[in-house]
Amino acid sequence: MLTIKADGGSHKPGSKQAARDAKKNSILEKCAVPLLRLRTDGSREKEKIKNALKRD
């Protein structure tokens, strides 16, 4: 199992989005679900996803 999130960049500490991200990260960590963050301006997404799925 893997969660994928497309990120446009970092959010300012204390912002609503930063708080939502912290909450999401905490929930996923507690449930032992890996999170793969992909930048919206990135490349090689397919390769990164394949590599993340191969990890145990």
PDB file of N, CA and C in Angstrom:
ATOM      1  N   MET A   1       0.849  -1.161   0.000  1.00  0.00           N
ATOM      2  CA  MET A   1       0.000   0.000   0.000  1.00  0.00           C
ATOM      3  C   MET A   1       0.899   1.229   0.000  1.00  0.00           C
ATOM      4  N   LEU A   2       0.423   2.260  -0.651  1.00  0.00           N
ATOM      5  CA  LEU A   2       1.211   3.474  -0.790  1.00  0.00           C
ATOM      6  C   LEU A   2       0.270   4.651  -0.998  1.00  0.00           C
ATOM      7  N   THR A   3       0.572   5.759  -0.365  1.00  0.00           N
ATOM      8  CA  THR A   3      -0.161   6.998  -0.598  1.00  0.00           C
ATOM      9  C   THR A   3       0.723   7.909  -1.431  1.00  0.00           C
ATOM     10  N   ILE A   4       0.132   8.513  -2.458  1.00  0.00           N
ATOM     11  CA  ILE A   4       0.881   9.427  -3.315  1.00  0.00           C
ATOM     12  C   ILE A   4       0.237  10.801  -3.204  1.00  0.00           C
ATOM     13  N   LYS A   5       1.083  11.819  -3.004  1.00  0.00           N
ATOM     14  CA  LYS A   5       0.584  13.183  -2.917  1.00  0.00           C
ATOM     15  C   LYS A   5       1.382  14.054  -3.870  1.00  0.00           C
ATOM     16  N   ALA A   6       0.677  14.784  -4.694  1.00  0.00           N
ATOM     17  CA  ALA A   6       1.329  15.754  -5.576  1.00  0.00           C
ATOM     18  C   ALA A   6       1.482  17.057  -4.806  1.00  0.00           C
ATOM     19  N   ASP A   7       2.716  17.507  -4.658  1.00  0.00           N
ATOM     20  CA  ASP A   7       3.011  18.724  -3.911  1.00  0.00           C
ATOM     21  C   ASP A   7       3.466  19.819  -4.859  1.00  0.00           C
ATOM     22  N   GLY A   8       2.910  20.991  -4.658  1.00  0.00           N
ATOM     23  CA  GLY A   8       3.337  22.142  -5.436  1.00  0.00           C
ATOM     24  C   GLY A   8       4.494  22.875  -4.771  1.00  0.00           C
ATOM     25  N   GLY A   9       4.823  22.492  -3.565  1.00  0.00           N
ATOM     26  CA  GLY A   9       5.907  23.134  -2.837  1.00  0.00           C
ATOM     27  C   GLY A   9       5.624  23.115  -1.356  1.00  0.00           C
ATOM     28  N   SER A  10       6.494  23.721  -0.603  1.00  0.00           N
ATOM     29  CA  SER A  10       6.311  23.720   0.848  1.00  0.00           C
ATOM     30  C   SER A  10       5.365  24.849   1.256  1.00  0.00           C
ATOM     31  N   HIS A  11       4.767  24.699   2.423  1.00  0.00           N
ATOM     32  CA  HIS A  11       3.840  25.689   2.931  1.00  0.00           C
ATOM     33  C   HIS A  11       4.466  26.367   4.139  1.00  0.00           C
ATOM     34  N   LYS A  12       4.088  27.602   4.353  1.00  0.00           N
ATOM     35  CA  LYS A  12       4.640  28.365   5.473  1.00  0.00           C
ATOM     36  C   LYS A  12       4.236  27.731   6.798  1.00  0.00           C
ATOM     37  N   PRO A  13       5.176  27.633   7.737  1.00  0.00           N
ATOM     38  CA  PRO A  13       4.831  27.111   9.066  1.00  0.00           C
ATOM     39  C   PRO A  13       3.683  27.926   9.665  1.00  0.00           C
ATOM     40  N   GLY A  14       2.739  27.222  10.255  1.00  0.00           N
ATOM     41  CA  GLY A  14       1.599  27.891  10.855  1.00  0.00           C
ATOM     42  C   GLY A  14       0.431  28.121   9.917  1.00  0.00           C
ATOM     43  N   SER A  15       0.613  27.845   8.609  1.00  0.00           N
ATOM     44  CA  SER A  15      -0.485  28.026   7.660  1.00  0.00           C
ATOM     45  C   SER A  15      -1.492  26.888   7.803  1.00  0.00           C
ATOM     46  N   LYS A  16      -2.687  27.105   7.287  1.00  0.00           N
ATOM     47  CA  LYS A  16      -3.721  26.067   7.338  1.00  0.00           C
ATOM     48  C   LYS A  16      -3.262  24.818   6.596  1.00  0.00           C
ATOM     49  N   GLN A  17      -2.606  24.999   5.456  1.00  0.00           N
ATOM     50  CA  GLN A  17      -2.152  23.843   4.680  1.00  0.00           C
ATOM     51  C   GLN A  17      -1.061  23.081   5.421  1.00  0.00           C
ATOM     52  N   ALA A  18      -0.173  23.780   6.081  1.00  0.00           N
ATOM     53  CA  ALA A  18       0.879  23.115   6.854  1.00  0.00           C
ATOM     54  C   ALA A  18       0.264  22.292   7.979  1.00  0.00           C
ATOM     55  N   ALA A  19      -0.778  22.810   8.619  1.00  0.00           N
ATOM     56  CA  ALA A  19      -1.460  22.073   9.688  1.00  0.00           C
ATOM     57  C   ALA A  19      -2.151  20.833   9.129  1.00  0.00           C
ATOM     58  N   ARG A  20      -2.783  20.968   7.973  1.00  0.00           N
ATOM     59  CA  ARG A  20      -3.447  19.807   7.346  1.00  0.00           C
ATOM     60  C   ARG A  20      -2.420  18.749   6.965  1.00  0.00           C
ATOM     61  N   ASP A  21      -1.287  19.186   6.421  1.00  0.00           N
ATOM     62  CA  ASP A  21      -0.232  18.238   6.043  1.00  0.00           C
ATOM     63  C   ASP A  21       0.307  17.506   7.271  1.00  0.00           C
ATOM     64  N   ALA A  22       0.503  18.218   8.375  1.00  0.00           N
ATOM     65  CA  ALA A  22       1.009  17.595   9.603  1.00  0.00           C
ATOM     66  C   ALA A  22       0.017  16.558  10.114  1.00  0.00           C
ATOM     67  N   LYS A  23      -1.256  16.875  10.056  1.00  0.00           N
ATOM     68  CA  LYS A  23      -2.295  15.941  10.500  1.00  0.00           C
ATOM     69  C   LYS A  23      -2.303  14.689   9.624  1.00  0.00           C
ATOM     70  N   LYS A  24      -2.251  14.892   8.321  1.00  0.00           N
ATOM     71  CA  LYS A  24      -2.224  13.772   7.378  1.00  0.00           C
ATOM     72  C   LYS A  24      -0.985  12.912   7.600  1.00  0.00           C
ATOM     73  N   ASN A  25       0.168  13.543   7.751  1.00  0.00           N
ATOM     74  CA  ASN A  25       1.415  12.804   7.975  1.00  0.00           C
ATOM     75  C   ASN A  25       1.327  11.959   9.244  1.00  0.00           C
ATOM     76  N   SER A  26       0.748  12.520  10.301  1.00  0.00           N
ATOM     77  CA  SER A  26       0.610  11.810  11.560  1.00  0.00           C
ATOM     78  C   SER A  26      -0.292  10.582  11.420  1.00  0.00           C
ATOM     79  N   ILE A  27      -1.410  10.757  10.753  1.00  0.00           N
ATOM     80  CA  ILE A  27      -2.340   9.634  10.549  1.00  0.00           C
ATOM     81  C   ILE A  27      -1.682   8.524   9.742  1.00  0.00           C
ATOM     82  N   LEU A  28      -1.025   8.887   8.645  1.00  0.00           N
ATOM     83  CA  LEU A  28      -0.377   7.879   7.802  1.00  0.00           C
ATOM     84  C   LEU A  28       0.735   7.158   8.560  1.00  0.00           C
ATOM     85  N   GLU A  29       1.493   7.891   9.363  1.00  0.00           N
ATOM     86  CA  GLU A  29       2.568   7.281  10.143  1.00  0.00           C
ATOM     87  C   GLU A  29       2.003   6.288  11.161  1.00  0.00           C
ATOM     88  N   LYS A  30       0.939   6.681  11.850  1.00  0.00           N
ATOM     89  CA  LYS A  30       0.322   5.801  12.841  1.00  0.00           C
ATOM     90  C   LYS A  30      -0.240   4.533  12.210  1.00  0.00           C
ATOM     91  N   CYS A  31      -0.680   4.644  10.969  1.00  0.00           N
ATOM     92  CA  CYS A  31      -1.245   3.487  10.253  1.00  0.00           C
ATOM     93  C   CYS A  31      -0.184   2.738   9.452  1.00  0.00           C
ATOM     94  N   ALA A  32       1.068   3.187   9.532  1.00  0.00           N
ATOM     95  CA  ALA A  32       2.199   2.576   8.815  1.00  0.00           C
ATOM     96  C   ALA A  32       1.960   2.532   7.305  1.00  0.00           C
ATOM     97  N   VAL A  33       1.409   3.622   6.775  1.00  0.00           N
ATOM     98  CA  VAL A  33       1.191   3.733   5.328  1.00  0.00           C
ATOM     99  C   VAL A  33       2.236   4.703   4.779  1.00  0.00           C
ATOM    100  N   PRO A  34       3.089   4.225   3.872  1.00  0.00           N
ATOM    101  CA  PRO A  34       4.120   5.101   3.311  1.00  0.00           C
ATOM    102  C   PRO A  34       3.500   6.226   2.478  1.00  0.00           C
ATOM    103  N   LEU A  35       4.162   7.371   2.484  1.00  0.00           N
ATOM    104  CA  LEU A  35       3.721   8.532   1.716  1.00  0.00           C
ATOM    105  C   LEU A  35       4.814   8.915   0.733  1.00  0.00           C
ATOM    106  N   LEU A  36       4.462   8.946  -0.527  1.00  0.00           N
ATOM    107  CA  LEU A  36       5.388   9.376  -1.578  1.00  0.00           C
ATOM    108  C   LEU A  36       4.931  10.739  -2.060  1.00  0.00           C
ATOM    109  N   ARG A  37       5.770  11.736  -1.870  1.00  0.00           N
ATOM    110  CA  ARG A  37       5.439  13.087  -2.336  1.00  0.00           C
ATOM    111  C   ARG A  37       6.093  13.301  -3.695  1.00  0.00           C
ATOM    112  N   LEU A  38       5.291  13.731  -4.647  1.00  0.00           N
ATOM    113  CA  LEU A  38       5.793  14.032  -5.980  1.00  0.00           C
ATOM    114  C   LEU A  38       5.554  15.501  -6.259  1.00  0.00           C
ATOM    115  N   ARG A  39       6.565  16.171  -6.731  1.00  0.00           N
ATOM    116  CA  ARG A  39       6.415  17.591  -7.074  1.00  0.00           C
ATOM    117  C   ARG A  39       5.596  17.714  -8.351  1.00  0.00           C
ATOM    118  N   THR A  40       4.825  18.773  -8.428  1.00  0.00           N
ATOM    119  CA  THR A  40       4.000  18.970  -9.619  1.00  0.00           C
ATOM    120  C   THR A  40       4.849  19.372 -10.825  1.00  0.00           C
ATOM    121  N   ASP A  41       6.057  19.836 -10.574  1.00  0.00           N
ATOM    122  CA  ASP A  41       6.953  20.194 -11.669  1.00  0.00           C
ATOM    123  C   ASP A  41       8.092  19.185 -11.820  1.00  0.00           C
ATOM    124  N   GLY A  42       7.911  18.012 -11.240  1.00  0.00           N
ATOM    125  CA  GLY A  42       8.963  16.993 -11.246  1.00  0.00           C
ATOM    126  C   GLY A  42       9.028  16.196 -12.540  1.00  0.00           C
ATOM    127  N   SER A  43       9.820  15.156 -12.480  1.00  0.00           N
ATOM    128  CA  SER A  43       9.950  14.253 -13.621  1.00  0.00           C
ATOM    129  C   SER A  43      10.225  12.852 -13.079  1.00  0.00           C
ATOM    130  N   ARG A  44      10.145  11.865 -13.946  1.00  0.00           N
ATOM    131  CA  ARG A  44      10.398  10.464 -13.610  1.00  0.00           C
ATOM    132  C   ARG A  44       9.420   9.939 -12.558  1.00  0.00           C
ATOM    133  N   GLU A  45       8.183  10.449 -12.568  1.00  0.00           N
ATOM    134  CA  GLU A  45       7.185  10.029 -11.579  1.00  0.00           C
ATOM    135  C   GLU A  45       6.921   8.529 -11.641  1.00  0.00           C
ATOM    136  N   LYS A  46       6.797   7.996 -12.840  1.00  0.00           N
ATOM    137  CA  LYS A  46       6.509   6.566 -12.998  1.00  0.00           C
ATOM    138  C   LYS A  46       7.602   5.733 -12.325  1.00  0.00           C
ATOM    139  N   GLU A  47       8.849   6.092 -12.536  1.00  0.00           N
ATOM    140  CA  GLU A  47       9.985   5.382 -11.932  1.00  0.00           C
ATOM    141  C   GLU A  47       9.949   5.496 -10.408  1.00  0.00           C
ATOM    142  N   LYS A  48       9.659   6.681  -9.893  1.00  0.00           N
ATOM    143  CA  LYS A  48       9.598   6.891  -8.448  1.00  0.00           C
ATOM    144  C   LYS A  48       8.489   6.068  -7.811  1.00  0.00           C
ATOM    145  N   ILE A  49       7.351   5.980  -8.474  1.00  0.00           N
ATOM    146  CA  ILE A  49       6.237   5.190  -7.952  1.00  0.00           C
ATOM    147  C   ILE A  49       6.595   3.704  -7.942  1.00  0.00           C
ATOM    148  N   LYS A  50       7.179   3.224  -9.030  1.00  0.00           N
ATOM    149  CA  LYS A  50       7.583   1.817  -9.090  1.00  0.00           C
ATOM    150  C   LYS A  50       8.566   1.477  -7.975  1.00  0.00           C
ATOM    151  N   ASN A  51       9.549   2.356  -7.762  1.00  0.00           N
ATOM    152  CA  ASN A  51      10.555   2.130  -6.724  1.00  0.00           C
ATOM    153  C   ASN A  51       9.914   2.125  -5.330  1.00  0.00           C
ATOM    154  N   ALA A  52       8.985   3.029  -5.102  1.00  0.00           N
ATOM    155  CA  ALA A  52       8.327   3.104  -3.794  1.00  0.00           C
ATOM    156  C   ALA A  52       7.497   1.850  -3.537  1.00  0.00           C
ATOM    157  N   LEU A  53       6.869   1.313  -4.561  1.00  0.00           N
ATOM    158  CA  LEU A  53       6.049   0.116  -4.399  1.00  0.00           C
ATOM    159  C   LEU A  53       6.888  -1.130  -4.158  1.00  0.00           C
ATOM    160  N   LYS A  54       8.144  -1.123  -4.599  1.00  0.00           N
ATOM    161  CA  LYS A  54       9.026  -2.270  -4.402  1.00  0.00           C
ATOM    162  C   LYS A  54       9.524  -2.375  -2.967  1.00  0.00           C
ATOM    163  N   ARG A  55       9.524  -1.250  -2.229  1.00  0.00           N
ATOM    164  CA  ARG A  55      10.027  -1.251  -0.849  1.00  0.00           C
ATOM    165  C   ARG A  55       9.072  -1.984   0.061  1.00  0.00           C
ATOM    166  N   ASP A  56       9.621  -2.585   1.083  1.00  0.00           N
ATOM    167  CA  ASP A  56       8.811  -3.266   2.095  1.00  0.00           C
ATOM    168  C   ASP A  56       8.907  -2.577   3.408  1.00  0.00           C
TER     169      ASP A  56
END
